[in-house]
Amino acid sequence: MSQVADREAQARDADGADEGLRLRDLTKRFAAFTAVDSLDLDVPSGAFFALLGPSGCGKTTTLRMVAGLETPTSGSITLGGADITYARPYRRPVNTVFQNYALFPHLDVFENVAFGLRRRKESDVDRRVTEMLDLVELGAQTRKKPAQLSGGQQQRVALARALINQPQVLLLDEPLGALDLKLRRSMQLEIKRIQTEVGLTFIHVTHDQEEAMTMADTVAVMNAGVIEQMGAPAELYENPRTTFVANFLGQSNLIDGRVTNRASDFVTVDMHGTSVSIPSERAHADSDRGWIGIRPEKVLIGEEGEALDAPGNTVPGGVVTDVSFFGVSTQYLVRMPWGQELQVFEQNTGRRRIFTTGDRVELSWRPEYAFLLDHSQDARAGAEQEDAPGE
């Protein structure tokens, strides 16, 4: 265990409880616009937590209030049991890593990381900086200036400079937004490794669904200033509770249906003449109408009359309207008898031919993969978002 993780564990033992970060009824209004609306949130110490949402959802405003860069309209923020709602930014045990790195261009890597320690006239600077640069795997780059480093290396310097201050919470504001796709994916794993090693609380703000699900232990999906749903990435993806979460995290087929029976284990729904079953714990509609949800990769596609390995929910009469080949998989659009086009993702294993436009097909899925959402919600919510970092 690292020295930072040791200190966190000792603090928890001394207090007798893990206070972590707590937001209570936190609200931020800008004139007539409410950016964050009565937000309650608990982030335990040592967690890797992600605030995920589209532009304007309130995620960055929340982060800035925790950092002390915005003053709440109402509500409270406590960290480790201490109220920091109106504390000055420099008096909070919090550091922030921004998308633009904010490194000092005239200082080399070593001095960028040492800056805070030297300013506070702390001791043993050389050893602590060396240990931190080794942690972020930049021990061989100590005397280079930021301009001589790649984007990923600059981001590691920014991480090291923030972590060396031993904050209780590290805030990451779209930290990978300036990197290209390949480097971004590499840095996702690198930041997760660093967080695991140091044992600090990381709160990561992003509009990138893949980034949040890859890195975070817990994800809170924000929309219009509130949290739509919070949980482990797999839980949010497999069992969304709102149409916004279903559409924003990946893609979903949402099909109009009418509930015909509610049993203890399964809910039966009439889907345009076909009876489908949905596990009760995945049914989130109280009325007799709902949206039947199924992820495209959970849908099986086959020839007319073909026996598919998904007993219970077989839907005949489909016609392929579009085919997109992606190498490892093929994406189909299939028009169903009621006129709706459903998405199907199939892995290219070579076991079956790739269908072509105009082919008549049947679709099927296992009941345990479906979910049911309230029909009063917009089926298109979250599906088409104009994402922009920093909102």
Protein backbone atom coordinates (compact mmCIF):
# COMPACT_ATOMS: atom_id res chain seq x y z
CA MET A 1 0.00 0.00 0.00
CA SER A 2 1.25 3.50 -0.84
CA GLN A 3 1.99 6.17 1.77
CA VAL A 4 -1.08 8.10 0.64
CA ALA A 5 -3.30 5.03 1.00
CA ASP A 6 -1.80 4.39 4.45
CA ARG A 7 -2.71 7.89 5.57
CA GLU A 8 -6.25 7.49 4.25
CA ALA A 9 -6.68 4.22 6.15
CA GLN A 10 -5.30 5.78 9.36
CA ALA A 11 -7.69 8.70 9.02
CA ARG A 12 -10.64 6.35 8.65
CA ASP A 13 -9.53 4.34 11.68
CA ALA A 14 -9.08 7.50 13.78
CA ASP A 15 -12.51 8.84 12.92
CA GLY A 16 -14.20 5.50 13.28
CA ALA A 17 -15.99 6.04 9.97
CA ASP A 18 -15.37 6.88 6.37
CA GLU A 19 -16.91 10.33 5.92
CA GLY A 20 -15.93 10.78 2.29
CA LEU A 21 -17.48 13.55 0.19
CA ARG A 22 -21.11 14.44 0.82
CA LEU A 23 -23.29 16.83 -1.14
CA ARG A 24 -26.65 17.68 0.38
CA ASP A 25 -29.44 19.54 -1.43
CA LEU A 26 -26.74 21.23 -3.53
CA THR A 27 -28.17 23.79 -5.92
CA LYS A 28 -26.60 26.28 -8.31
CA ARG A 29 -28.65 28.83 -10.24
CA PHE A 30 -27.42 31.29 -12.85
CA ALA A 31 -30.18 33.92 -13.18
CA ALA A 32 -33.20 31.94 -14.44
CA PHE A 33 -31.19 28.81 -15.28
CA THR A 34 -30.75 26.04 -12.70
CA ALA A 35 -27.51 24.21 -13.48
CA VAL A 36 -27.60 21.86 -10.47
CA ASP A 37 -30.91 21.08 -8.81
CA SER A 38 -31.06 19.88 -5.17
CA LEU A 39 -28.30 17.31 -5.64
CA ASP A 40 -27.65 14.67 -2.96
CA LEU A 41 -24.51 12.61 -3.47
CA ASP A 42 -22.15 10.46 -1.38
CA VAL A 43 -18.70 9.56 -2.65
CA PRO A 44 -16.81 7.24 -0.26
CA SER A 45 -13.08 7.70 0.33
CA GLY A 46 -10.93 5.77 -2.11
CA ALA A 47 -13.60 5.56 -4.81
CA PHE A 48 -13.12 6.23 -8.51
CA PHE A 49 -16.34 8.10 -9.22
CA ALA A 50 -17.54 9.49 -12.55
CA LEU A 51 -20.06 12.23 -13.24
CA LEU A 52 -21.27 11.49 -16.76
CA GLY A 53 -23.62 13.51 -18.90
CA PRO A 54 -24.07 15.68 -22.00
CA SER A 55 -23.24 19.35 -22.34
CA GLY A 56 -25.18 21.53 -19.93
CA CYS A 57 -26.22 18.72 -17.57
CA GLY A 58 -24.50 20.30 -14.53
CA LYS A 59 -21.56 17.94 -14.08
CA THR A 60 -18.78 20.52 -14.38
CA THR A 61 -20.71 23.03 -12.27
CA THR A 62 -20.91 20.36 -9.56
CA LEU A 63 -17.16 19.76 -9.82
CA ARG A 64 -16.42 23.49 -9.62
CA MET A 65 -18.53 23.83 -6.47
CA VAL A 66 -16.56 21.00 -4.84
CA ALA A 67 -13.33 22.73 -5.89
CA GLY A 68 -14.51 26.09 -4.53
CA LEU A 69 -14.51 27.73 -7.96
CA GLU A 70 -18.29 28.28 -7.86
CA THR A 71 -20.37 29.21 -4.82
CA PRO A 72 -23.55 27.15 -4.29
CA THR A 73 -26.88 28.94 -4.31
CA SER A 74 -27.93 26.60 -1.50
CA GLY A 75 -27.03 23.26 0.04
CA SER A 76 -23.85 21.95 1.65
CA ILE A 77 -20.58 20.20 0.83
CA THR A 78 -18.72 18.22 3.50
CA LEU A 79 -15.43 16.36 3.10
CA GLY A 80 -14.09 14.07 5.78
CA GLY A 81 -16.79 15.39 8.12
CA ALA A 82 -15.73 19.04 7.66
CA ASP A 83 -18.05 21.59 6.06
CA ILE A 84 -16.23 23.13 3.06
CA THR A 85 -19.26 24.71 1.36
CA TYR A 86 -17.85 28.24 1.54
CA ALA A 87 -14.18 27.52 2.17
CA ARG A 88 -11.62 29.21 -0.07
CA PRO A 89 -10.31 26.93 -2.85
CA TYR A 90 -6.77 26.92 -1.44
CA ARG A 91 -8.09 25.87 1.99
CA ARG A 92 -9.78 22.76 0.64
CA PRO A 93 -7.96 19.38 0.61
CA VAL A 94 -8.82 19.13 -3.07
CA ASN A 95 -6.81 19.40 -6.28
CA THR A 96 -8.05 19.65 -9.86
CA VAL A 97 -6.58 18.34 -13.11
CA PHE A 98 -7.90 20.23 -16.13
CA GLN A 99 -8.16 19.28 -19.78
CA ASN A 100 -5.52 21.87 -20.76
CA TYR A 101 -3.02 20.56 -18.13
CA ALA A 102 -2.15 24.13 -16.91
CA LEU A 103 1.58 23.32 -16.68
CA PHE A 104 4.22 26.04 -16.29
CA PRO A 105 5.93 26.16 -19.70
CA HIS A 106 9.17 27.68 -18.36
CA LEU A 107 9.69 24.94 -15.73
CA ASP A 108 10.89 21.43 -16.46
CA VAL A 109 8.92 18.33 -15.45
CA PHE A 110 10.65 18.01 -12.08
CA GLU A 111 10.05 21.63 -11.09
CA ASN A 112 6.44 21.57 -12.29
CA VAL A 113 5.74 18.67 -9.92
CA ALA A 114 7.81 20.25 -7.11
CA PHE A 115 6.16 23.66 -7.41
CA GLY A 116 3.58 23.27 -4.64
CA LEU A 117 6.04 21.69 -2.20
CA ARG A 118 8.62 24.42 -2.73
CA ARG A 119 5.99 27.14 -2.37
CA ARG A 120 5.00 25.71 1.03
CA LYS A 121 8.68 25.24 1.94
CA GLU A 122 8.17 21.55 2.68
CA SER A 123 11.05 19.17 3.30
CA ASP A 124 12.35 16.16 1.38
CA VAL A 125 11.20 17.61 -1.94
CA ASP A 126 13.62 15.72 -4.17
CA ARG A 127 12.65 12.29 -2.83
CA ARG A 128 8.92 12.96 -2.97
CA VAL A 129 9.06 14.33 -6.51
CA THR A 130 11.17 11.40 -7.68
CA GLU A 131 8.71 8.91 -6.16
CA MET A 132 5.77 10.67 -7.79
CA LEU A 133 7.42 10.78 -11.22
CA ASP A 134 8.20 7.09 -10.92
CA LEU A 135 4.53 6.46 -10.12
CA VAL A 136 3.45 8.14 -13.37
CA GLU A 137 6.34 6.50 -15.26
CA LEU A 138 8.13 9.74 -16.14
CA GLY A 139 11.33 9.20 -14.19
CA ALA A 140 13.40 9.51 -17.38
CA GLN A 141 11.78 12.79 -18.48
CA THR A 142 12.53 14.95 -15.43
CA ARG A 143 14.49 17.72 -17.14
CA LYS A 144 12.30 18.14 -20.21
CA LYS A 145 10.04 21.14 -20.62
CA PRO A 146 6.28 20.56 -21.17
CA ALA A 147 6.56 21.52 -24.85
CA GLN A 148 8.95 18.59 -25.37
CA LEU A 149 6.40 16.06 -24.10
CA SER A 150 3.49 14.30 -25.78
CA GLY A 151 -0.07 15.08 -24.72
CA GLY A 152 -0.24 11.91 -22.65
CA GLN A 153 3.04 12.71 -20.89
CA GLN A 154 1.85 16.25 -20.12
CA GLN A 155 -1.30 14.80 -18.60
CA ARG A 156 0.82 12.55 -16.38
CA VAL A 157 2.83 15.56 -15.20
CA ALA A 158 -0.42 17.33 -14.32
CA LEU A 159 -1.53 14.25 -12.38
CA ALA A 160 1.77 14.02 -10.52
CA ARG A 161 1.69 17.73 -9.63
CA ALA A 162 -1.81 17.34 -8.18
CA LEU A 163 -1.18 14.05 -6.37
CA ILE A 164 2.02 15.17 -4.67
CA ASN A 165 -0.07 17.63 -2.62
CA GLN A 166 -1.82 14.60 -1.04
CA PRO A 167 -5.40 15.87 -1.53
CA GLN A 168 -8.32 14.00 -0.01
CA VAL A 169 -10.05 14.25 -3.38
CA LEU A 170 -8.63 14.63 -6.89
CA LEU A 171 -11.00 16.26 -9.36
CA LEU A 172 -10.55 15.41 -13.03
CA ASP A 173 -12.30 17.81 -15.40
CA GLU A 174 -12.47 16.19 -18.86
CA PRO A 175 -8.78 15.28 -18.44
CA LEU A 176 -8.46 13.29 -21.67
CA GLY A 177 -10.51 15.50 -23.97
CA ALA A 178 -7.48 16.95 -25.80
CA LEU A 179 -5.95 13.55 -26.63
CA ASP A 180 -6.47 11.48 -29.77
CA LEU A 181 -8.53 8.28 -29.54
CA LYS A 182 -5.67 5.78 -29.23
CA LEU A 183 -3.82 7.80 -26.58
CA ARG A 184 -7.06 8.51 -24.74
CA ARG A 185 -7.77 4.80 -24.34
CA SER A 186 -4.23 4.17 -23.14
CA MET A 187 -4.50 6.98 -20.58
CA GLN A 188 -7.83 5.64 -19.31
CA LEU A 189 -6.05 2.50 -18.12
CA GLU A 190 -3.07 4.49 -16.85
CA ILE A 191 -5.16 6.83 -14.69
CA LYS A 192 -7.10 3.88 -13.30
CA ARG A 193 -3.79 2.17 -12.40
CA ILE A 194 -2.55 5.30 -10.63
CA GLN A 195 -5.81 5.70 -8.69
CA THR A 196 -5.68 2.09 -7.54
CA GLU A 197 -2.08 2.46 -6.42
CA VAL A 198 -2.46 5.72 -4.48
CA GLY A 199 -5.89 4.85 -3.04
CA LEU A 200 -7.23 8.41 -3.25
CA THR A 201 -10.74 9.50 -4.14
CA PHE A 202 -10.93 10.45 -7.84
CA ILE A 203 -13.99 12.29 -9.18
CA HIS A 204 -13.95 12.31 -12.95
CA VAL A 205 -16.21 14.55 -15.03
CA THR A 206 -16.75 13.45 -18.62
CA HIS A 207 -19.25 13.38 -21.46
CA ASP A 208 -17.59 10.25 -22.88
CA GLN A 209 -19.60 7.14 -21.96
CA GLU A 210 -16.81 4.68 -22.76
CA GLU A 211 -14.36 6.69 -20.66
CA ALA A 212 -16.63 6.70 -17.61
CA MET A 213 -17.49 3.01 -17.85
CA THR A 214 -13.87 1.97 -18.40
CA MET A 215 -12.38 3.93 -15.52
CA ALA A 216 -14.96 4.40 -12.76
CA ASP A 217 -16.18 2.04 -10.05
CA THR A 218 -19.39 4.07 -9.78
CA VAL A 219 -21.00 6.26 -12.44
CA ALA A 220 -23.66 8.92 -11.86
CA VAL A 221 -25.52 9.82 -15.07
CA MET A 222 -26.57 13.49 -14.91
CA ASN A 223 -29.27 15.18 -16.94
CA ALA A 224 -30.70 18.68 -16.53
CA GLY A 225 -29.05 19.24 -13.16
CA VAL A 226 -30.13 15.98 -11.50
CA ILE A 227 -28.80 12.43 -11.31
CA GLU A 228 -30.93 10.13 -13.45
CA GLN A 229 -29.31 6.93 -12.17
CA MET A 230 -26.18 5.94 -10.27
CA GLY A 231 -24.42 2.61 -9.90
CA ALA A 232 -21.73 0.31 -11.23
CA PRO A 233 -21.15 0.67 -14.99
CA ALA A 234 -22.48 -2.83 -15.78
CA GLU A 235 -25.62 -2.20 -13.71
CA LEU A 236 -26.40 1.06 -15.51
CA TYR A 237 -25.84 -0.48 -18.92
CA GLU A 238 -27.69 -3.76 -18.38
CA ASN A 239 -30.59 -2.43 -16.30
CA PRO A 240 -31.27 1.24 -17.07
CA ARG A 241 -34.21 2.79 -15.24
CA THR A 242 -34.94 5.68 -17.61
CA THR A 243 -35.01 6.17 -21.36
CA PHE A 244 -32.30 8.82 -21.01
CA VAL A 245 -29.87 6.37 -19.38
CA ALA A 246 -30.81 3.62 -21.84
CA ASN A 247 -30.02 5.84 -24.82
CA PHE A 248 -27.09 7.84 -23.45
CA LEU A 249 -25.15 4.77 -22.32
CA GLY A 250 -24.73 2.95 -25.62
CA GLN A 251 -27.70 2.33 -27.88
CA SER A 252 -31.07 0.77 -27.18
CA ASN A 253 -34.06 -0.47 -29.13
CA LEU A 254 -37.16 0.90 -27.38
CA ILE A 255 -40.40 -0.70 -28.55
CA ASP A 256 -43.94 0.26 -27.58
CA GLY A 257 -45.72 -2.42 -25.56
CA ARG A 258 -48.70 -3.07 -23.28
CA VAL A 259 -48.42 -5.01 -20.03
CA THR A 260 -50.76 -8.02 -20.00
CA ASN A 261 -49.64 -9.78 -16.83
CA ARG A 262 -47.46 -9.14 -13.77
CA ALA A 263 -46.16 -12.21 -11.97
CA SER A 264 -43.61 -12.41 -9.16
CA ASP A 265 -40.72 -13.23 -11.49
CA PHE A 266 -41.71 -11.91 -14.92
CA VAL A 267 -43.82 -9.21 -16.51
CA THR A 268 -45.56 -10.20 -19.76
CA VAL A 269 -45.90 -7.52 -22.41
CA ASP A 270 -47.75 -7.52 -25.72
CA MET A 271 -45.36 -6.09 -28.34
CA HIS A 272 -47.35 -5.44 -31.49
CA GLY A 273 -48.97 -8.88 -31.31
CA THR A 274 -45.96 -10.79 -29.97
CA SER A 275 -45.90 -11.74 -26.29
CA VAL A 276 -42.54 -11.03 -24.64
CA SER A 277 -41.33 -11.60 -21.08
CA ILE A 278 -39.22 -9.28 -18.93
CA PRO A 279 -37.79 -10.08 -15.49
CA SER A 280 -39.66 -8.20 -12.75
CA GLU A 281 -36.45 -6.64 -11.40
CA ARG A 282 -35.85 -5.10 -14.84
CA ALA A 283 -39.40 -3.74 -15.23
CA HIS A 284 -39.54 -0.05 -14.31
CA ALA A 285 -43.00 0.90 -15.56
CA ASP A 286 -45.97 1.24 -13.19
CA SER A 287 -48.66 1.76 -15.81
CA ASP A 288 -50.00 -0.76 -18.32
CA ARG A 289 -47.88 0.76 -21.12
CA GLY A 290 -44.13 0.82 -21.41
CA TRP A 291 -41.07 0.82 -23.62
CA ILE A 292 -39.58 -2.64 -24.10
CA GLY A 293 -35.80 -2.15 -24.20
CA ILE A 294 -33.21 -4.45 -25.73
CA ARG A 295 -29.58 -3.65 -26.54
CA PRO A 296 -28.62 -4.22 -30.22
CA GLU A 297 -25.86 -6.72 -29.36
CA LYS A 298 -28.37 -8.82 -27.38
CA VAL A 299 -30.59 -9.29 -30.46
CA LEU A 300 -30.05 -12.43 -32.54
CA ILE A 301 -30.79 -12.36 -36.26
CA GLY A 302 -31.56 -15.39 -38.42
CA GLU A 303 -33.18 -16.65 -41.59
CA GLU A 304 -36.95 -16.95 -41.70
CA GLY A 305 -37.94 -20.01 -39.68
CA GLU A 306 -34.45 -20.52 -38.25
CA ALA A 307 -34.32 -21.79 -34.66
CA LEU A 308 -32.47 -19.12 -32.67
CA ASP A 309 -30.96 -19.67 -29.23
CA ALA A 310 -33.24 -17.24 -27.45
CA PRO A 311 -36.46 -19.01 -26.43
CA GLY A 312 -39.50 -16.91 -25.62
CA ASN A 313 -39.02 -13.67 -27.51
CA THR A 314 -38.97 -14.44 -31.24
CA VAL A 315 -40.25 -11.79 -33.63
CA PRO A 316 -40.88 -12.78 -37.28
CA GLY A 317 -41.42 -10.64 -40.34
CA GLY A 318 -38.30 -8.49 -40.36
CA VAL A 319 -36.66 -7.07 -43.49
CA VAL A 320 -33.03 -5.90 -43.55
CA THR A 321 -32.92 -2.23 -44.61
CA ASP A 322 -29.27 -1.37 -43.96
CA VAL A 323 -25.98 -3.23 -43.46
CA SER A 324 -22.77 -1.70 -42.04
CA PHE A 325 -19.65 -3.87 -41.89
CA PHE A 326 -17.17 -2.98 -39.10
CA GLY A 327 -14.70 -5.85 -39.39
CA VAL A 328 -15.25 -7.52 -36.02
CA SER A 329 -19.01 -7.02 -36.26
CA THR A 330 -21.85 -6.12 -38.60
CA GLN A 331 -24.60 -3.64 -37.76
CA TYR A 332 -28.06 -4.19 -39.25
CA LEU A 333 -31.20 -2.11 -39.40
CA VAL A 334 -34.23 -4.35 -39.62
CA ARG A 335 -37.70 -2.99 -40.41
CA MET A 336 -40.33 -4.80 -38.38
CA PRO A 337 -43.95 -5.44 -39.45
CA TRP A 338 -45.20 -2.44 -37.40
CA GLY A 339 -42.82 -0.11 -39.29
CA GLN A 340 -40.10 0.46 -36.68
CA GLU A 341 -36.44 -0.15 -37.56
CA LEU A 342 -34.51 -2.11 -34.92
CA GLN A 343 -30.72 -2.18 -34.58
CA VAL A 344 -28.86 -5.48 -34.44
CA PHE A 345 -25.12 -5.90 -33.80
CA GLU A 346 -23.70 -9.31 -34.70
CA GLN A 347 -20.12 -10.50 -34.20
CA ASN A 348 -18.48 -11.72 -37.39
CA THR A 349 -17.54 -15.20 -36.20
CA GLY A 350 -17.80 -16.73 -39.66
CA ARG A 351 -20.52 -19.15 -38.51
CA ARG A 352 -23.19 -17.51 -40.67
CA ARG A 353 -23.37 -15.43 -43.81
CA ILE A 354 -23.69 -11.67 -43.63
CA PHE A 355 -27.22 -10.67 -44.58
CA THR A 356 -27.87 -8.16 -47.34
CA THR A 357 -30.42 -5.39 -47.79
CA GLY A 358 -33.85 -6.84 -48.57
CA ASP A 359 -33.30 -10.20 -46.82
CA ARG A 360 -36.26 -11.43 -44.79
CA VAL A 361 -35.19 -12.32 -41.27
CA GLU A 362 -36.40 -13.14 -37.78
CA LEU A 363 -35.16 -11.53 -34.59
CA SER A 364 -34.94 -13.05 -31.14
CA TRP A 365 -33.57 -12.32 -27.68
CA ARG A 366 -33.48 -13.93 -24.29
CA PRO A 367 -36.03 -12.52 -21.82
CA GLU A 368 -33.37 -11.88 -19.16
CA TYR A 369 -31.68 -9.30 -21.40
CA ALA A 370 -34.76 -7.09 -21.90
CA PHE A 371 -35.95 -4.23 -19.68
CA LEU A 372 -39.16 -2.21 -19.43
CA LEU A 373 -39.30 1.58 -19.00
CA ASP A 374 -42.15 3.94 -18.25
CA HIS A 375 -44.08 4.97 -21.36
CA SER A 376 -44.45 8.54 -20.09
CA GLN A 377 -40.73 9.08 -20.79
CA ASP A 378 -39.48 10.29 -24.16
CA ALA A 379 -38.17 7.29 -26.12
CA ARG A 380 -35.61 9.57 -27.82
CA ALA A 381 -34.24 11.11 -24.61
CA GLY A 382 -30.45 10.93 -24.50
CA ALA A 383 -30.19 9.48 -28.01
CA GLU A 384 -29.01 12.60 -29.82
CA GLN A 385 -26.87 14.84 -27.62
CA GLU A 386 -24.61 17.66 -28.74
CA ASP A 387 -21.74 16.80 -26.43
CA ALA A 388 -19.19 19.43 -25.50
CA PRO A 389 -16.67 19.21 -22.68
CA GLY A 390 -16.74 21.37 -19.62
CA GLU A 391 -20.45 21.76 -18.95
